[in-house]
Amino acid sequence: MEATQERAPAGGGSLVSVEKMPRGLPKLAGETWTLYVRQLKRLSRTPTIVVFSLIQPLIWLVLFGQMFSRIAHLPNAVQQFGGVSYLQFFVPTVMLQSVLFGAGQSGVGIIADIDSGFLDKLLTTPVNRLAILLGRVLGDLTRMALQILLVVLIGLAIGRFQTPTVSFYYGVVGIAGAMAIALLFALIMTGFNVFLALTTRNTEATFLIGNFLTLPLLFTSSAQLPIALLPVWMQHVARANPVTYAIDAMRSLLNGPAASSHHNTSVALVQALVILLALSAVTLTFATRKFRSTVA
């Protein structure tokens, strides 16, 4: 913050100190960073939430990875699974599943800020209203990024004791790409949950409606099984489900072109990006408008 001195108007008076406050984008960035750090500190002070949000993906990965491990080795199913173990096939699912459920905490957190009076306190300051929303969203995305990274590491650790062993086709680049796709989907769900929370203003309603929509999204996609192995009616639903396109791109990036329904990583990636970017623009627009009307 830079301080300058200006002379008082003609007619006398002493020198006055005028502080040049940051404006525009620098002001928004600084306030967003401050609120983002506050969100990270808040998470670090609630270790129960952090621990259980990290344990849940582990449970899903171990239980489902072992429960359906034999399916991928059936004679007519090997090609559909891209020639990899079910555990490796299932890793992208758990990554995306973590953000599907984790995004719900964004909406619940907004309601907590309203009920505790913290949001009202912020609104009495000159802080940019958009920075309040961005700080929370970025904090939640950081938490979800740690979750999905943990899923990858657990998958690699468990996969060392399986045949074939888990190894990702494009290495670190593929892992980073799959994480980016998962976080883009997290952005969609975060925007939706924030909009839902500000509309209902009720924790229970937000949680119930969010889960009611999340579970069908997950189970009517290619998350659990390849599309070709789903019932015919569910195949049509899966092809209209954005989760299918996100999962397809992530599997391609982690397990190679053979794991994609198109057998082409570029096609799977382009399709996913177009669909997910469009949906994120929609949900974030609704969330931002609802937030602005709420704090107006």
Protein backbone atom coordinates (compact mmCIF):
# COMPACT_ATOMS: atom_id res chain seq x y z
CA MET A 1 0.00 0.00 0.00
CA GLU A 2 1.62 3.26 -1.08
CA ALA A 3 1.16 6.48 0.89
CA THR A 4 1.53 9.91 -0.69
CA GLN A 5 1.13 13.41 0.65
CA GLU A 6 -0.92 16.17 -0.96
CA ARG A 7 -1.19 19.83 0.04
CA ALA A 8 -4.45 21.14 1.40
CA PRO A 9 -6.52 23.50 -0.79
CA ALA A 10 -5.53 27.15 -1.04
CA GLY A 11 -6.46 29.15 2.01
CA GLY A 12 -4.35 27.31 4.50
CA GLY A 13 -4.33 24.01 6.20
CA SER A 14 -1.77 21.37 6.85
CA LEU A 15 -0.50 18.55 4.73
CA VAL A 16 -2.84 15.55 4.62
CA SER A 17 -1.91 11.94 4.05
CA VAL A 18 -3.70 10.13 1.27
CA GLU A 19 -3.33 6.38 0.87
CA LYS A 20 -3.57 4.97 -2.60
CA MET A 21 -5.72 1.91 -2.16
CA PRO A 22 -5.50 -0.85 -4.77
CA ARG A 23 -8.45 -0.87 -7.11
CA GLY A 24 -9.93 -3.07 -9.79
CA LEU A 25 -8.33 -6.42 -10.46
CA PRO A 26 -5.42 -6.05 -7.96
CA LYS A 27 -7.95 -5.30 -5.19
CA LEU A 28 -10.10 -8.30 -6.17
CA ALA A 29 -7.05 -10.59 -6.32
CA GLY A 30 -5.73 -9.44 -2.93
CA GLU A 31 -9.06 -9.83 -1.17
CA THR A 32 -9.69 -13.20 -2.82
CA TRP A 33 -6.28 -14.41 -1.62
CA THR A 34 -6.98 -13.24 1.94
CA LEU A 35 -10.33 -15.04 2.05
CA TYR A 36 -8.82 -18.10 0.37
CA VAL A 37 -6.14 -18.34 3.09
CA ARG A 38 -8.88 -17.89 5.70
CA GLN A 39 -10.76 -20.82 4.18
CA LEU A 40 -7.64 -23.03 4.28
CA LYS A 41 -7.03 -22.11 7.93
CA ARG A 42 -10.64 -22.89 8.70
CA LEU A 43 -10.29 -26.35 7.16
CA SER A 44 -7.06 -27.00 9.08
CA ARG A 45 -8.91 -26.23 12.33
CA THR A 46 -11.57 -28.85 11.60
CA PRO A 47 -9.44 -32.00 11.20
CA THR A 48 -12.50 -34.26 11.40
CA ILE A 49 -13.83 -32.93 8.09
CA VAL A 50 -10.42 -33.19 6.45
CA VAL A 51 -9.74 -36.74 7.70
CA PHE A 52 -13.13 -38.14 6.74
CA SER A 53 -13.09 -36.41 3.35
CA LEU A 54 -9.79 -38.20 2.69
CA ILE A 55 -10.83 -41.57 4.13
CA GLN A 56 -14.05 -41.83 2.11
CA PRO A 57 -12.28 -42.16 -1.29
CA LEU A 58 -10.01 -44.82 0.24
CA ILE A 59 -13.03 -46.89 1.30
CA TRP A 60 -14.67 -46.63 -2.11
CA LEU A 61 -11.46 -47.51 -3.92
CA VAL A 62 -10.62 -50.53 -1.79
CA LEU A 63 -14.14 -51.95 -1.47
CA PHE A 64 -15.38 -51.48 -5.03
CA GLY A 65 -11.97 -52.13 -6.52
CA GLN A 66 -11.91 -55.55 -4.89
CA MET A 67 -15.62 -56.33 -5.15
CA PHE A 68 -15.73 -56.06 -8.94
CA SER A 69 -12.13 -57.05 -9.67
CA ARG A 70 -13.10 -60.26 -11.49
CA ILE A 71 -15.45 -58.51 -13.93
CA ALA A 72 -12.60 -56.95 -15.90
CA HIS A 73 -11.07 -60.41 -16.50
CA LEU A 74 -14.17 -62.00 -18.03
CA PRO A 75 -13.46 -63.14 -21.62
CA ASN A 76 -16.01 -60.80 -23.24
CA ALA A 77 -15.20 -57.83 -21.02
CA VAL A 78 -11.41 -57.43 -21.24
CA GLN A 79 -11.54 -55.15 -24.29
CA GLN A 80 -14.35 -53.04 -22.83
CA PHE A 81 -12.20 -52.28 -19.78
CA GLY A 82 -9.26 -51.26 -21.96
CA GLY A 83 -7.17 -54.27 -20.95
CA VAL A 84 -6.56 -52.96 -17.41
CA SER A 85 -7.63 -54.21 -13.99
CA TYR A 86 -10.92 -53.06 -12.53
CA LEU A 87 -9.01 -51.13 -9.87
CA GLN A 88 -7.25 -49.07 -12.53
CA PHE A 89 -10.53 -48.69 -14.43
CA PHE A 90 -12.20 -47.50 -11.22
CA VAL A 91 -9.57 -44.92 -10.14
CA PRO A 92 -11.02 -42.12 -12.36
CA THR A 93 -14.48 -42.91 -10.99
CA VAL A 94 -13.38 -42.41 -7.38
CA MET A 95 -11.57 -39.20 -8.37
CA LEU A 96 -14.75 -37.79 -9.89
CA GLN A 97 -16.90 -39.21 -7.13
CA SER A 98 -14.80 -37.34 -4.57
CA VAL A 99 -15.59 -34.00 -6.19
CA LEU A 100 -19.25 -34.87 -6.72
CA PHE A 101 -19.76 -35.36 -2.99
CA GLY A 102 -17.11 -32.86 -1.88
CA ALA A 103 -18.70 -29.99 -3.78
CA GLY A 104 -21.75 -30.24 -1.52
CA GLN A 105 -19.69 -28.81 1.33
CA SER A 106 -19.39 -25.53 -0.58
CA GLY A 107 -23.12 -24.93 -0.35
CA VAL A 108 -23.31 -26.03 3.27
CA GLY A 109 -20.35 -23.75 4.08
CA ILE A 110 -22.09 -20.73 2.57
CA ILE A 111 -25.13 -21.36 4.77
CA ALA A 112 -22.84 -21.72 7.81
CA ASP A 113 -21.28 -18.32 7.03
CA ILE A 114 -24.74 -16.78 6.80
CA ASP A 115 -26.04 -18.39 10.02
CA SER A 116 -22.90 -17.54 12.01
CA GLY A 117 -23.06 -13.88 10.98
CA PHE A 118 -19.63 -14.00 9.31
CA LEU A 119 -21.08 -13.01 5.95
CA ASP A 120 -22.86 -10.02 7.49
CA LYS A 121 -19.58 -8.88 9.03
CA LEU A 122 -17.85 -9.08 5.66
CA LEU A 123 -20.64 -7.07 4.04
CA THR A 124 -19.98 -4.18 6.44
CA THR A 125 -16.47 -3.85 4.98
CA PRO A 126 -15.50 -2.51 1.53
CA VAL A 127 -14.38 -6.00 0.43
CA ASN A 128 -15.33 -6.93 -3.13
CA ARG A 129 -18.45 -9.12 -2.97
CA LEU A 130 -17.12 -11.42 -5.68
CA ALA A 131 -13.95 -12.04 -3.63
CA ILE A 132 -16.10 -13.56 -0.86
CA LEU A 133 -17.44 -16.18 -3.26
CA LEU A 134 -14.12 -16.78 -5.03
CA GLY A 135 -12.22 -17.27 -1.77
CA ARG A 136 -14.60 -20.02 -0.68
CA VAL A 137 -14.72 -21.73 -4.06
CA LEU A 138 -10.93 -21.78 -4.42
CA GLY A 139 -10.53 -23.12 -0.88
CA ASP A 140 -12.96 -25.95 -1.59
CA LEU A 141 -11.23 -26.73 -4.90
CA THR A 142 -7.91 -27.03 -3.06
CA ARG A 143 -9.44 -29.51 -0.62
CA MET A 144 -10.87 -31.56 -3.48
CA ALA A 145 -7.54 -31.45 -5.35
CA LEU A 146 -5.87 -33.06 -2.33
CA GLN A 147 -8.60 -35.70 -2.24
CA ILE A 148 -8.19 -36.74 -5.86
CA LEU A 149 -4.40 -36.72 -5.59
CA LEU A 150 -4.73 -39.09 -2.64
CA VAL A 151 -6.94 -41.38 -4.76
CA VAL A 152 -4.22 -41.57 -7.43
CA LEU A 153 -1.52 -42.35 -4.87
CA ILE A 154 -3.65 -45.02 -3.16
CA GLY A 155 -4.47 -46.55 -6.54
CA LEU A 156 -0.78 -46.79 -7.37
CA ALA A 157 0.06 -48.24 -3.95
CA ILE A 158 -2.65 -50.91 -4.00
CA GLY A 159 -2.07 -51.60 -7.69
CA ARG A 160 1.51 -52.72 -7.06
CA PHE A 161 0.14 -55.93 -5.56
CA GLN A 162 -2.25 -56.69 -8.42
CA THR A 163 -1.85 -58.41 -11.77
CA PRO A 164 -1.56 -56.47 -14.00
CA THR A 165 -0.04 -53.78 -11.84
CA VAL A 166 -1.47 -50.27 -12.00
CA SER A 167 0.56 -47.95 -14.21
CA PHE A 168 -0.75 -44.81 -15.87
CA TYR A 169 -0.31 -44.60 -19.64
CA TYR A 170 0.80 -40.95 -19.95
CA GLY A 171 2.56 -40.75 -16.58
CA VAL A 172 2.57 -37.50 -14.63
CA VAL A 173 1.15 -35.54 -17.58
CA GLY A 174 -1.85 -37.85 -17.78
CA ILE A 175 -2.40 -37.67 -14.01
CA ALA A 176 -2.30 -33.86 -14.10
CA GLY A 177 -4.72 -33.81 -17.04
CA ALA A 178 -7.16 -36.17 -15.31
CA MET A 179 -7.01 -34.06 -12.15
CA ALA A 180 -7.73 -30.94 -14.19
CA ILE A 181 -10.82 -32.58 -15.73
CA ALA A 182 -12.00 -33.66 -12.26
CA LEU A 183 -11.52 -30.13 -10.88
CA LEU A 184 -13.39 -28.65 -13.82
CA PHE A 185 -16.29 -30.92 -12.97
CA ALA A 186 -15.88 -29.85 -9.32
CA LEU A 187 -16.30 -26.25 -10.47
CA ILE A 188 -19.62 -27.17 -12.09
CA MET A 189 -20.89 -28.91 -8.96
CA THR A 190 -19.61 -26.16 -6.66
CA GLY A 191 -21.47 -23.52 -8.65
CA PHE A 192 -24.62 -25.64 -8.55
CA ASN A 193 -24.38 -26.28 -4.81
CA VAL A 194 -23.75 -22.62 -3.99
CA PHE A 195 -26.80 -21.64 -6.06
CA LEU A 196 -28.84 -24.35 -4.36
CA ALA A 197 -27.72 -23.26 -0.88
CA LEU A 198 -28.50 -19.59 -1.49
CA THR A 199 -31.91 -20.56 -2.86
CA THR A 200 -32.95 -22.89 -0.03
CA ARG A 201 -31.07 -21.16 2.83
CA ASN A 202 -31.33 -24.53 4.61
CA THR A 203 -28.51 -27.00 5.31
CA GLU A 204 -30.69 -30.12 5.32
CA ALA A 205 -32.51 -29.19 2.11
CA THR A 206 -29.24 -28.38 0.34
CA PHE A 207 -27.68 -31.67 1.43
CA LEU A 208 -30.71 -33.78 0.49
CA ILE A 209 -31.32 -32.17 -2.91
CA GLY A 210 -27.61 -32.27 -3.74
CA ASN A 211 -27.32 -35.99 -2.95
CA PHE A 212 -30.61 -36.72 -4.72
CA LEU A 213 -29.13 -35.35 -7.95
CA THR A 214 -25.55 -36.55 -7.42
CA LEU A 215 -26.27 -40.27 -7.06
CA PRO A 216 -28.30 -40.60 -10.30
CA LEU A 217 -25.58 -38.66 -12.15
CA LEU A 218 -23.00 -41.14 -10.93
CA PHE A 219 -24.91 -44.39 -11.41
CA THR A 220 -26.46 -43.56 -14.81
CA SER A 221 -23.06 -43.01 -16.40
CA SER A 222 -20.10 -45.13 -17.43
CA ALA A 223 -18.52 -44.58 -14.01
CA GLN A 224 -19.06 -48.12 -12.70
CA LEU A 225 -19.07 -50.09 -15.95
CA PRO A 226 -18.25 -49.43 -19.62
CA ILE A 227 -21.25 -48.20 -21.64
CA ALA A 228 -21.35 -51.40 -23.71
CA LEU A 229 -21.99 -53.47 -20.56
CA LEU A 230 -24.91 -51.33 -19.34
CA PRO A 231 -28.58 -52.14 -20.06
CA VAL A 232 -29.73 -50.65 -23.36
CA TRP A 233 -31.97 -47.99 -21.80
CA MET A 234 -29.16 -46.93 -19.47
CA GLN A 235 -26.74 -46.64 -22.39
CA HIS A 236 -28.95 -43.91 -23.87
CA VAL A 237 -29.09 -42.09 -20.52
CA ALA A 238 -25.32 -42.43 -20.05
CA ARG A 239 -24.63 -40.82 -23.42
CA ALA A 240 -26.57 -37.74 -22.30
CA ASN A 241 -24.83 -37.65 -18.92
CA PRO A 242 -21.89 -35.20 -18.55
CA VAL A 243 -20.26 -37.56 -16.03
CA THR A 244 -19.74 -40.08 -18.84
CA TYR A 245 -17.72 -37.59 -20.91
CA ALA A 246 -15.62 -36.49 -17.93
CA ILE A 247 -14.91 -40.11 -16.97
CA ASP A 248 -14.13 -41.06 -20.57
CA ALA A 249 -11.53 -38.30 -20.87
CA MET A 250 -9.99 -39.12 -17.49
CA ARG A 251 -9.73 -42.82 -18.30
CA SER A 252 -8.11 -41.99 -21.61
CA LEU A 253 -5.55 -39.74 -19.91
CA LEU A 254 -4.77 -42.30 -17.20
CA ASN A 255 -5.19 -45.64 -18.99
CA GLY A 256 -4.51 -44.81 -22.64
CA PRO A 257 -6.64 -44.55 -25.82
CA ALA A 258 -7.92 -48.12 -25.47
CA ALA A 259 -9.79 -47.09 -22.29
CA SER A 260 -11.79 -44.45 -24.18
CA SER A 261 -15.08 -45.30 -25.85
CA HIS A 262 -13.66 -43.61 -28.99
CA HIS A 263 -10.23 -45.27 -28.63
CA ASN A 264 -8.87 -41.78 -29.19
CA THR A 265 -7.60 -39.60 -26.33
CA SER A 266 -7.84 -36.33 -28.29
CA VAL A 267 -11.50 -36.86 -29.20
CA ALA A 268 -12.42 -37.82 -25.63
CA LEU A 269 -10.56 -34.80 -24.24
CA VAL A 270 -12.11 -32.28 -26.66
CA GLN A 271 -15.62 -33.59 -26.04
CA ALA A 272 -15.17 -33.39 -22.28
CA LEU A 273 -13.71 -29.87 -22.34
CA VAL A 274 -16.47 -28.46 -24.55
CA ILE A 275 -19.24 -29.94 -22.42
CA LEU A 276 -17.69 -29.20 -19.02
CA LEU A 277 -16.64 -25.63 -19.87
CA ALA A 278 -20.17 -24.86 -21.10
CA LEU A 279 -21.76 -26.33 -17.96
CA SER A 280 -19.33 -24.56 -15.63
CA ALA A 281 -20.14 -21.24 -17.31
CA VAL A 282 -23.85 -21.87 -16.70
CA THR A 283 -23.63 -22.96 -13.04
CA LEU A 284 -21.10 -20.28 -12.06
CA THR A 285 -23.19 -17.58 -13.72
CA PHE A 286 -26.28 -18.66 -11.77
CA ALA A 287 -24.29 -18.93 -8.54
CA THR A 288 -22.69 -15.50 -8.98
CA ARG A 289 -25.98 -13.80 -9.79
CA LYS A 290 -27.71 -15.45 -6.86
CA PHE A 291 -24.87 -14.47 -4.53
CA ARG A 292 -24.94 -10.85 -5.70
CA SER A 293 -28.70 -10.64 -5.23
CA THR A 294 -28.31 -12.16 -1.76
CA VAL A 295 -25.69 -9.65 -0.58
CA ALA A 296 -27.21 -6.66 -2.35
